[in-house]
Every structure is written in structure tokens, then in C-alpha cells.
Amino acid sequence: MEDESEIIDGYFDDEGNTLDQELVTKPALCLSCRKDNDPQEEELCMLTRMDNVDGEEFLCGAYEKIT
């Protein structure tokens, strides 16, 4: 088993700082997306949310409206 100090897990910014995914807000657009809460899409969705700049309109190229 690996030493816990050697395990790299989670999300990091460009400087290598760990980002707490619990603090990343979920935009309203995500709530109406078919992929919301899909475990296979969660990583891509989280990266897209983290890339969103505060104050700008949230855009997601993978968005699929719930029908």
C-alpha cells in the first residue's frame, strides 16, 4: 500500500494548490442538464465548472437539456 503522502488525488490549480470541490458552485444550467449527477460525467463537469470565471455567463459545450 502507498504512503498517504504519495497519493495524489483531487483537483489542482495551475500553481499546484489543491482545490476543494465542495466549494465549487453548480450553475443553474447544470441543474437542467441530462448529465447532472452522472458519475461518468462528473470529472468533466467539475473541470468545466472550475474553469468558469466569476461574473461571466456560464457556458458548457457538453450541455444536453433534459427532455
C-alpha atoms as a PDB file:
ATOM      1  CA  MET A   1       0.000   0.000   0.000  1.00  0.00           C
ATOM      2  CA  GLU A   2       1.208   3.519  -0.830  1.00  0.00           C
ATOM      3  CA  ASP A   3       2.182   6.022   1.821  1.00  0.00           C
ATOM      4  CA  GLU A   4      -0.637   8.591   2.114  1.00  0.00           C
ATOM      5  CA  SER A   5       1.833  11.416   1.445  1.00  0.00           C
ATOM      6  CA  GLU A   6       2.490   9.929  -2.023  1.00  0.00           C
ATOM      7  CA  ILE A   7      -1.159   9.667  -3.064  1.00  0.00           C
ATOM      8  CA  ILE A   8      -2.190  12.434  -5.460  1.00  0.00           C
ATOM      9  CA  ASP A   9      -5.942  12.828  -5.732  1.00  0.00           C
ATOM     10  CA  GLY A  10      -8.379  15.639  -6.392  1.00  0.00           C
ATOM     11  CA  TYR A  11      -8.299  18.858  -8.365  1.00  0.00           C
ATOM     12  CA  PHE A  12      -5.423  21.339  -8.527  1.00  0.00           C
ATOM     13  CA  ASP A  13      -4.941  24.851  -9.890  1.00  0.00           C
ATOM     14  CA  ASP A  14      -2.081  25.904 -12.171  1.00  0.00           C
ATOM     15  CA  GLU A  15       0.184  26.517  -9.171  1.00  0.00           C
ATOM     16  CA  GLY A  16      -0.407  23.028  -7.745  1.00  0.00           C
ATOM     17  CA  ASN A  17      -2.715  24.099  -4.931  1.00  0.00           C
ATOM     18  CA  THR A  18      -5.483  21.670  -4.023  1.00  0.00           C
ATOM     19  CA  LEU A  19      -8.992  22.914  -4.877  1.00  0.00           C
ATOM     20  CA  ASP A  20     -11.895  21.922  -2.655  1.00  0.00           C
ATOM     21  CA  GLN A  21     -14.611  20.650  -4.993  1.00  0.00           C
ATOM     22  CA  GLU A  22     -17.220  21.222  -2.279  1.00  0.00           C
ATOM     23  CA  LEU A  23     -16.670  24.968  -2.682  1.00  0.00           C
ATOM     24  CA  VAL A  24     -17.287  24.960  -6.457  1.00  0.00           C
ATOM     25  CA  THR A  25     -20.807  26.202  -7.123  1.00  0.00           C
ATOM     26  CA  LYS A  26     -23.073  24.356  -9.528  1.00  0.00           C
ATOM     27  CA  PRO A  27     -24.520  26.785 -12.093  1.00  0.00           C
ATOM     28  CA  ALA A  28     -28.253  26.719 -12.826  1.00  0.00           C
ATOM     29  CA  LEU A  29     -27.515  25.431 -16.333  1.00  0.00           C
ATOM     30  CA  CYS A  30     -26.143  22.217 -14.792  1.00  0.00           C
ATOM     31  CA  LEU A  31     -29.407  21.563 -12.962  1.00  0.00           C
ATOM     32  CA  SER A  32     -31.268  21.275 -16.271  1.00  0.00           C
ATOM     33  CA  CYS A  33     -28.610  19.087 -17.923  1.00  0.00           C
ATOM     34  CA  ARG A  34     -29.082  15.391 -18.627  1.00  0.00           C
ATOM     35  CA  LYS A  35     -25.513  14.774 -17.446  1.00  0.00           C
ATOM     36  CA  ASP A  36     -26.035  16.304 -13.988  1.00  0.00           C
ATOM     37  CA  ASN A  37     -25.270  13.701 -11.287  1.00  0.00           C
ATOM     38  CA  ASP A  38     -23.976  11.193 -13.887  1.00  0.00           C
ATOM     39  CA  PRO A  39     -20.886   9.620 -12.275  1.00  0.00           C
ATOM     40  CA  GLN A  40     -19.268   9.056 -15.680  1.00  0.00           C
ATOM     41  CA  GLU A  41     -19.535  12.776 -16.495  1.00  0.00           C
ATOM     42  CA  GLU A  42     -18.668  14.206 -13.068  1.00  0.00           C
ATOM     43  CA  GLU A  43     -14.963  14.855 -13.717  1.00  0.00           C
ATOM     44  CA  LEU A  44     -15.581  16.716 -16.982  1.00  0.00           C
ATOM     45  CA  CYS A  45     -18.443  18.671 -15.411  1.00  0.00           C
ATOM     46  CA  MET A  46     -16.303  19.635 -12.410  1.00  0.00           C
ATOM     47  CA  LEU A  47     -13.433  20.795 -14.618  1.00  0.00           C
ATOM     48  CA  THR A  48     -15.851  22.863 -16.704  1.00  0.00           C
ATOM     49  CA  ARG A  49     -17.305  24.467 -13.556  1.00  0.00           C
ATOM     50  CA  MET A  50     -13.830  25.207 -12.175  1.00  0.00           C
ATOM     51  CA  ASP A  51     -12.845  26.833 -15.471  1.00  0.00           C
ATOM     52  CA  ASN A  52     -15.806  29.197 -15.267  1.00  0.00           C
ATOM     53  CA  VAL A  53     -14.761  32.764 -14.491  1.00  0.00           C
ATOM     54  CA  ASP A  54     -16.876  34.521 -11.869  1.00  0.00           C
ATOM     55  CA  GLY A  55     -19.125  37.151 -13.343  1.00  0.00           C
ATOM     56  CA  GLU A  56     -19.132  35.702 -16.842  1.00  0.00           C
ATOM     57  CA  GLU A  57     -22.016  33.764 -18.347  1.00  0.00           C
ATOM     58  CA  PHE A  58     -21.518  30.038 -17.720  1.00  0.00           C
ATOM     59  CA  LEU A  59     -21.106  28.103 -20.972  1.00  0.00           C
ATOM     60  CA  CYS A  60     -20.768  24.341 -21.351  1.00  0.00           C
ATOM     61  CA  GLY A  61     -20.099  22.655 -24.685  1.00  0.00           C
ATOM     62  CA  ALA A  62     -21.315  19.287 -23.344  1.00  0.00           C
ATOM     63  CA  TYR A  63     -24.720  20.580 -22.159  1.00  0.00           C
ATOM     64  CA  GLU A  64     -27.717  18.397 -23.069  1.00  0.00           C
ATOM     65  CA  LYS A  65     -31.089  19.694 -21.945  1.00  0.00           C
ATOM     66  CA  ILE A  66     -33.345  17.279 -20.052  1.00  0.00           C
ATOM     67  CA  THR A  67     -36.306  16.478 -22.273  1.00  0.00           C
END
